[in-house]
Amino acid sequence: MGGLDSGVTDSTSDILLESAYFTTSEIRRSSRRTFLSSDSSYRFERGADPQAVLARLGPRSSPHS
């Protein structure tokens, strides 16, 4: 779920981090309806703490940028 032209390489200088929170039932329903599964959908179908995102990113991020 990505492309050769959109990947991170040794010459990458900027990376935009984006996050969103969806309910587990919506993720499961969407994944099954579209027949698309990923490591992320598998993990988030089982629940994720939306507050943990900012804690993991630390001082490199701002929720208001």
PDB file of N, CA and C in Angstrom:
ATOM      1  N   MET A   1       0.848  -1.185   0.000  1.00  0.00           N
ATOM      2  CA  MET A   1       0.000   0.000   0.000  1.00  0.00           C
ATOM      3  C   MET A   1       0.883   1.233   0.000  1.00  0.00           C
ATOM      4  N   GLY A   2       1.594   1.369  -1.005  1.00  0.00           N
ATOM      5  CA  GLY A   2       2.502   2.481  -1.184  1.00  0.00           C
ATOM      6  C   GLY A   2       3.164   2.296  -2.526  1.00  0.00           C
ATOM      7  N   GLY A   3       3.936   3.251  -2.900  1.00  0.00           N
ATOM      8  CA  GLY A   3       4.534   3.148  -4.215  1.00  0.00           C
ATOM      9  C   GLY A   3       6.010   3.441  -4.206  1.00  0.00           C
ATOM     10  N   LEU A   4       6.644   3.041  -5.254  1.00  0.00           N
ATOM     11  CA  LEU A   4       8.075   3.263  -5.410  1.00  0.00           C
ATOM     12  C   LEU A   4       8.401   4.754  -5.362  1.00  0.00           C
ATOM     13  N   ASP A   5       7.548   5.583  -5.956  1.00  0.00           N
ATOM     14  CA  ASP A   5       7.794   7.026  -5.989  1.00  0.00           C
ATOM     15  C   ASP A   5       7.427   7.738  -4.693  1.00  0.00           C
ATOM     16  N   SER A   6       6.733   7.064  -3.790  1.00  0.00           N
ATOM     17  CA  SER A   6       6.300   7.731  -2.562  1.00  0.00           C
ATOM     18  C   SER A   6       7.022   7.214  -1.321  1.00  0.00           C
ATOM     19  N   GLY A   7       7.992   6.340  -1.495  1.00  0.00           N
ATOM     20  CA  GLY A   7       8.707   5.771  -0.365  1.00  0.00           C
ATOM     21  C   GLY A   7       9.792   6.686   0.175  1.00  0.00           C
ATOM     22  N   VAL A   8      10.264   6.376   1.363  1.00  0.00           N
ATOM     23  CA  VAL A   8      11.348   7.113   2.002  1.00  0.00           C
ATOM     24  C   VAL A   8      12.673   6.539   1.509  1.00  0.00           C
ATOM     25  N   THR A   9      13.575   7.431   1.111  1.00  0.00           N
ATOM     26  CA  THR A   9      14.897   7.022   0.641  1.00  0.00           C
ATOM     27  C   THR A   9      15.972   7.776   1.410  1.00  0.00           C
ATOM     28  N   ASP A  10      17.218   7.526   1.082  1.00  0.00           N
ATOM     29  CA  ASP A  10      18.323   8.237   1.725  1.00  0.00           C
ATOM     30  C   ASP A  10      18.289   9.737   1.447  1.00  0.00           C
ATOM     31  N   SER A  11      17.631  10.141   0.364  1.00  0.00           N
ATOM     32  CA  SER A  11      17.578  11.568   0.036  1.00  0.00           C
ATOM     33  C   SER A  11      16.320  12.256   0.587  1.00  0.00           C
ATOM     34  N   THR A  12      15.501  11.546   1.322  1.00  0.00           N
ATOM     35  CA  THR A  12      14.299  12.142   1.917  1.00  0.00           C
ATOM     36  C   THR A  12      14.716  13.148   2.977  1.00  0.00           C
ATOM     37  N   SER A  13      14.143  14.363   2.899  1.00  0.00           N
ATOM     38  CA  SER A  13      14.488  15.390   3.880  1.00  0.00           C
ATOM     39  C   SER A  13      13.316  15.754   4.789  1.00  0.00           C
ATOM     40  N   ASP A  14      12.100  15.537   4.354  1.00  0.00           N
ATOM     41  CA  ASP A  14      10.924  15.867   5.159  1.00  0.00           C
ATOM     42  C   ASP A  14       9.937  14.715   5.126  1.00  0.00           C
ATOM     43  N   ILE A  15       9.319  14.463   6.259  1.00  0.00           N
ATOM     44  CA  ILE A  15       8.280  13.450   6.351  1.00  0.00           C
ATOM     45  C   ILE A  15       7.099  14.054   7.083  1.00  0.00           C
ATOM     46  N   LEU A  16       5.929  13.933   6.505  1.00  0.00           N
ATOM     47  CA  LEU A  16       4.692  14.398   7.135  1.00  0.00           C
ATOM     48  C   LEU A  16       4.054  13.217   7.850  1.00  0.00           C
ATOM     49  N   LEU A  17       3.832  13.367   9.143  1.00  0.00           N
ATOM     50  CA  LEU A  17       3.163  12.328   9.920  1.00  0.00           C
ATOM     51  C   LEU A  17       1.719  12.753  10.150  1.00  0.00           C
ATOM     52  N   GLU A  18       0.817  11.880   9.817  1.00  0.00           N
ATOM     53  CA  GLU A  18      -0.605  12.166   9.987  1.00  0.00           C
ATOM     54  C   GLU A  18      -1.214  11.024  10.761  1.00  0.00           C
ATOM     55  N   SER A  19      -2.185  11.333  11.583  1.00  0.00           N
ATOM     56  CA  SER A  19      -2.835  10.261  12.308  1.00  0.00           C
ATOM     57  C   SER A  19      -4.324  10.534  12.389  1.00  0.00           C
ATOM     58  N   ALA A  20      -5.062   9.474  12.513  1.00  0.00           N
ATOM     59  CA  ALA A  20      -6.514   9.558  12.656  1.00  0.00           C
ATOM     60  C   ALA A  20      -6.949   8.419  13.560  1.00  0.00           C
ATOM     61  N   TYR A  21      -8.120   8.553  14.120  1.00  0.00           N
ATOM     62  CA  TYR A  21      -8.646   7.497  14.979  1.00  0.00           C
ATOM     63  C   TYR A  21     -10.004   7.067  14.452  1.00  0.00           C
ATOM     64  N   PHE A  22     -10.186   5.780  14.293  1.00  0.00           N
ATOM     65  CA  PHE A  22     -11.447   5.223  13.831  1.00  0.00           C
ATOM     66  C   PHE A  22     -11.882   4.142  14.805  1.00  0.00           C
ATOM     67  N   THR A  23     -13.157   3.933  14.926  1.00  0.00           N
ATOM     68  CA  THR A  23     -13.647   2.890  15.820  1.00  0.00           C
ATOM     69  C   THR A  23     -13.276   1.520  15.256  1.00  0.00           C
ATOM     70  N   THR A  24     -13.063   0.583  16.143  1.00  0.00           N
ATOM     71  CA  THR A  24     -12.636  -0.747  15.727  1.00  0.00           C
ATOM     72  C   THR A  24     -13.650  -1.403  14.792  1.00  0.00           C
ATOM     73  N   SER A  25     -14.921  -1.197  15.041  1.00  0.00           N
ATOM     74  CA  SER A  25     -15.940  -1.825  14.192  1.00  0.00           C
ATOM     75  C   SER A  25     -15.905  -1.253  12.772  1.00  0.00           C
ATOM     76  N   GLU A  26     -15.629   0.032  12.625  1.00  0.00           N
ATOM     77  CA  GLU A  26     -15.545   0.640  11.290  1.00  0.00           C
ATOM     78  C   GLU A  26     -14.339   0.112  10.518  1.00  0.00           C
ATOM     79  N   ILE A  27     -13.220  -0.048  11.193  1.00  0.00           N
ATOM     80  CA  ILE A  27     -12.028  -0.579  10.532  1.00  0.00           C
ATOM     81  C   ILE A  27     -12.278  -2.005  10.063  1.00  0.00           C
ATOM     82  N   ARG A  28     -12.840  -2.811  10.933  1.00  0.00           N
ATOM     83  CA  ARG A  28     -13.112  -4.206  10.588  1.00  0.00           C
ATOM     84  C   ARG A  28     -14.077  -4.299   9.415  1.00  0.00           C
ATOM     85  N   ARG A  29     -15.137  -3.516   9.460  1.00  0.00           N
ATOM     86  CA  ARG A  29     -16.148  -3.536   8.400  1.00  0.00           C
ATOM     87  C   ARG A  29     -15.539  -3.097   7.062  1.00  0.00           C
ATOM     88  N   SER A  30     -14.776  -2.031   7.086  1.00  0.00           N
ATOM     89  CA  SER A  30     -14.164  -1.509   5.856  1.00  0.00           C
ATOM     90  C   SER A  30     -13.147  -2.494   5.284  1.00  0.00           C
ATOM     91  N   SER A  31     -12.328  -3.072   6.142  1.00  0.00           N
ATOM     92  CA  SER A  31     -11.316  -4.025   5.689  1.00  0.00           C
ATOM     93  C   SER A  31     -11.966  -5.237   5.029  1.00  0.00           C
ATOM     94  N   ARG A  32     -13.019  -5.736   5.618  1.00  0.00           N
ATOM     95  CA  ARG A  32     -13.697  -6.909   5.057  1.00  0.00           C
ATOM     96  C   ARG A  32     -14.476  -6.564   3.793  1.00  0.00           C
ATOM     97  N   ARG A  33     -15.088  -5.395   3.766  1.00  0.00           N
ATOM     98  CA  ARG A  33     -15.885  -4.986   2.606  1.00  0.00           C
ATOM     99  C   ARG A  33     -15.013  -4.790   1.369  1.00  0.00           C
ATOM    100  N   THR A  34     -13.813  -4.249   1.562  1.00  0.00           N
ATOM    101  CA  THR A  34     -12.933  -3.956   0.428  1.00  0.00           C
ATOM    102  C   THR A  34     -11.931  -5.080   0.132  1.00  0.00           C
ATOM    103  N   PHE A  35     -11.929  -6.122   0.969  1.00  0.00           N
ATOM    104  CA  PHE A  35     -10.983  -7.227   0.833  1.00  0.00           C
ATOM    105  C   PHE A  35      -9.532  -6.739   0.894  1.00  0.00           C
ATOM    106  N   LEU A  36      -9.289  -5.677   1.682  1.00  0.00           N
ATOM    107  CA  LEU A  36      -7.938  -5.162   1.894  1.00  0.00           C
ATOM    108  C   LEU A  36      -7.576  -5.330   3.363  1.00  0.00           C
ATOM    109  N   SER A  37      -6.434  -5.893   3.598  1.00  0.00           N
ATOM    110  CA  SER A  37      -5.967  -6.058   4.958  1.00  0.00           C
ATOM    111  C   SER A  37      -4.521  -5.592   5.026  1.00  0.00           C
ATOM    112  N   SER A  38      -4.152  -5.055   6.160  1.00  0.00           N
ATOM    113  CA  SER A  38      -2.774  -4.607   6.357  1.00  0.00           C
ATOM    114  C   SER A  38      -2.391  -4.866   7.806  1.00  0.00           C
ATOM    115  N   ASP A  39      -1.124  -4.694   8.105  1.00  0.00           N
ATOM    116  CA  ASP A  39      -0.693  -4.818   9.499  1.00  0.00           C
ATOM    117  C   ASP A  39      -1.447  -3.828  10.370  1.00  0.00           C
ATOM    118  N   SER A  40      -1.662  -2.627   9.840  1.00  0.00           N
ATOM    119  CA  SER A  40      -2.359  -1.596  10.604  1.00  0.00           C
ATOM    120  C   SER A  40      -3.813  -1.959  10.852  1.00  0.00           C
ATOM    121  N   SER A  41      -4.509  -2.408   9.821  1.00  0.00           N
ATOM    122  CA  SER A  41      -5.922  -2.749  10.030  1.00  0.00           C
ATOM    123  C   SER A  41      -6.040  -3.897  11.029  1.00  0.00           C
ATOM    124  N   TYR A  42      -5.155  -4.871  10.946  1.00  0.00           N
ATOM    125  CA  TYR A  42      -5.168  -5.987  11.891  1.00  0.00           C
ATOM    126  C   TYR A  42      -4.985  -5.479  13.320  1.00  0.00           C
ATOM    127  N   ARG A  43      -4.016  -4.585  13.507  1.00  0.00           N
ATOM    128  CA  ARG A  43      -3.721  -4.059  14.834  1.00  0.00           C
ATOM    129  C   ARG A  43      -4.866  -3.192  15.355  1.00  0.00           C
ATOM    130  N   PHE A  44      -5.382  -2.291  14.515  1.00  0.00           N
ATOM    131  CA  PHE A  44      -6.398  -1.360  14.984  1.00  0.00           C
ATOM    132  C   PHE A  44      -7.782  -1.976  15.098  1.00  0.00           C
ATOM    133  N   GLU A  45      -8.022  -3.090  14.428  1.00  0.00           N
ATOM    134  CA  GLU A  45      -9.271  -3.819  14.642  1.00  0.00           C
ATOM    135  C   GLU A  45      -9.367  -4.294  16.079  1.00  0.00           C
ATOM    136  N   ARG A  46      -8.240  -4.478  16.720  1.00  0.00           N
ATOM    137  CA  ARG A  46      -8.195  -4.974  18.087  1.00  0.00           C
ATOM    138  C   ARG A  46      -8.128  -3.860  19.130  1.00  0.00           C
ATOM    139  N   GLY A  47      -8.180  -2.630  18.680  1.00  0.00           N
ATOM    140  CA  GLY A  47      -8.210  -1.500  19.608  1.00  0.00           C
ATOM    141  C   GLY A  47      -6.873  -0.791  19.704  1.00  0.00           C
ATOM    142  N   ALA A  48      -6.925   0.515  19.770  1.00  0.00           N
ATOM    143  CA  ALA A  48      -5.718   1.334  19.898  1.00  0.00           C
ATOM    144  C   ALA A  48      -6.055   2.546  20.754  1.00  0.00           C
ATOM    145  N   ASP A  49      -5.085   3.016  21.474  1.00  0.00           N
ATOM    146  CA  ASP A  49      -5.265   4.188  22.323  1.00  0.00           C
ATOM    147  C   ASP A  49      -4.942   5.443  21.521  1.00  0.00           C
ATOM    148  N   PRO A  50      -5.945   6.282  21.212  1.00  0.00           N
ATOM    149  CA  PRO A  50      -5.681   7.473  20.404  1.00  0.00           C
ATOM    150  C   PRO A  50      -4.736   8.467  21.085  1.00  0.00           C
ATOM    151  N   GLN A  51      -4.669   8.463  22.398  1.00  0.00           N
ATOM    152  CA  GLN A  51      -3.770   9.372  23.110  1.00  0.00           C
ATOM    153  C   GLN A  51      -2.311   8.932  23.005  1.00  0.00           C
ATOM    154  N   ALA A  52      -2.090   7.664  22.723  1.00  0.00           N
ATOM    155  CA  ALA A  52      -0.727   7.149  22.644  1.00  0.00           C
ATOM    156  C   ALA A  52       0.022   7.695  21.438  1.00  0.00           C
ATOM    157  N   VAL A  53      -0.694   8.143  20.418  1.00  0.00           N
ATOM    158  CA  VAL A  53      -0.041   8.648  19.206  1.00  0.00           C
ATOM    159  C   VAL A  53       0.867   9.824  19.536  1.00  0.00           C
ATOM    160  N   LEU A  54       0.348  10.823  20.219  1.00  0.00           N
ATOM    161  CA  LEU A  54       1.161  12.001  20.548  1.00  0.00           C
ATOM    162  C   LEU A  54       2.298  11.643  21.502  1.00  0.00           C
ATOM    163  N   ALA A  55       2.047  10.747  22.420  1.00  0.00           N
ATOM    164  CA  ALA A  55       3.097  10.349  23.354  1.00  0.00           C
ATOM    165  C   ALA A  55       4.243   9.667  22.610  1.00  0.00           C
ATOM    166  N   ARG A  56       3.939   8.860  21.612  1.00  0.00           N
ATOM    167  CA  ARG A  56       4.971   8.158  20.851  1.00  0.00           C
ATOM    168  C   ARG A  56       5.771   9.110  19.963  1.00  0.00           C
ATOM    169  N   LEU A  57       5.107  10.131  19.433  1.00  0.00           N
ATOM    170  CA  LEU A  57       5.803  11.069  18.556  1.00  0.00           C
ATOM    171  C   LEU A  57       6.691  12.024  19.340  1.00  0.00           C
ATOM    172  N   GLY A  58       6.312  12.338  20.548  1.00  0.00           N
ATOM    173  CA  GLY A  58       7.116  13.185  21.416  1.00  0.00           C
ATOM    174  C   GLY A  58       7.274  14.595  20.893  1.00  0.00           C
ATOM    175  N   PRO A  59       8.409  15.224  21.179  1.00  0.00           N
ATOM    176  CA  PRO A  59       8.603  16.639  20.849  1.00  0.00           C
ATOM    177  C   PRO A  59       8.760  16.926  19.359  1.00  0.00           C
ATOM    178  N   ARG A  60       8.841  15.889  18.540  1.00  0.00           N
ATOM    179  CA  ARG A  60       8.981  16.101  17.099  1.00  0.00           C
ATOM    180  C   ARG A  60       7.687  16.544  16.462  1.00  0.00           C
ATOM    181  N   SER A  61       6.607  16.523  17.197  1.00  0.00           N
ATOM    182  CA  SER A  61       5.302  16.773  16.588  1.00  0.00           C
ATOM    183  C   SER A  61       4.524  17.823  17.359  1.00  0.00           C
ATOM    184  N   SER A  62       3.552  18.350  16.693  1.00  0.00           N
ATOM    185  CA  SER A  62       2.601  19.256  17.308  1.00  0.00           C
ATOM    186  C   SER A  62       1.222  18.917  16.765  1.00  0.00           C
ATOM    187  N   PRO A  63       0.226  18.722  17.613  1.00  0.00           N
ATOM    188  CA  PRO A  63      -1.102  18.388  17.119  1.00  0.00           C
ATOM    189  C   PRO A  63      -1.778  19.555  16.396  1.00  0.00           C
ATOM    190  N   HIS A  64      -1.158  20.730  16.463  1.00  0.00           N
ATOM    191  CA  HIS A  64      -1.777  21.915  15.869  1.00  0.00           C
ATOM    192  C   HIS A  64      -0.975  22.455  14.696  1.00  0.00           C
ATOM    193  N   SER A  65      -0.019  21.702  14.199  1.00  0.00           N
ATOM    194  CA  SER A  65       0.804  22.174  13.070  1.00  0.00           C
ATOM    195  C   SER A  65       0.044  22.138  11.781  1.00  0.00           C
TER     196      SER A  65
END
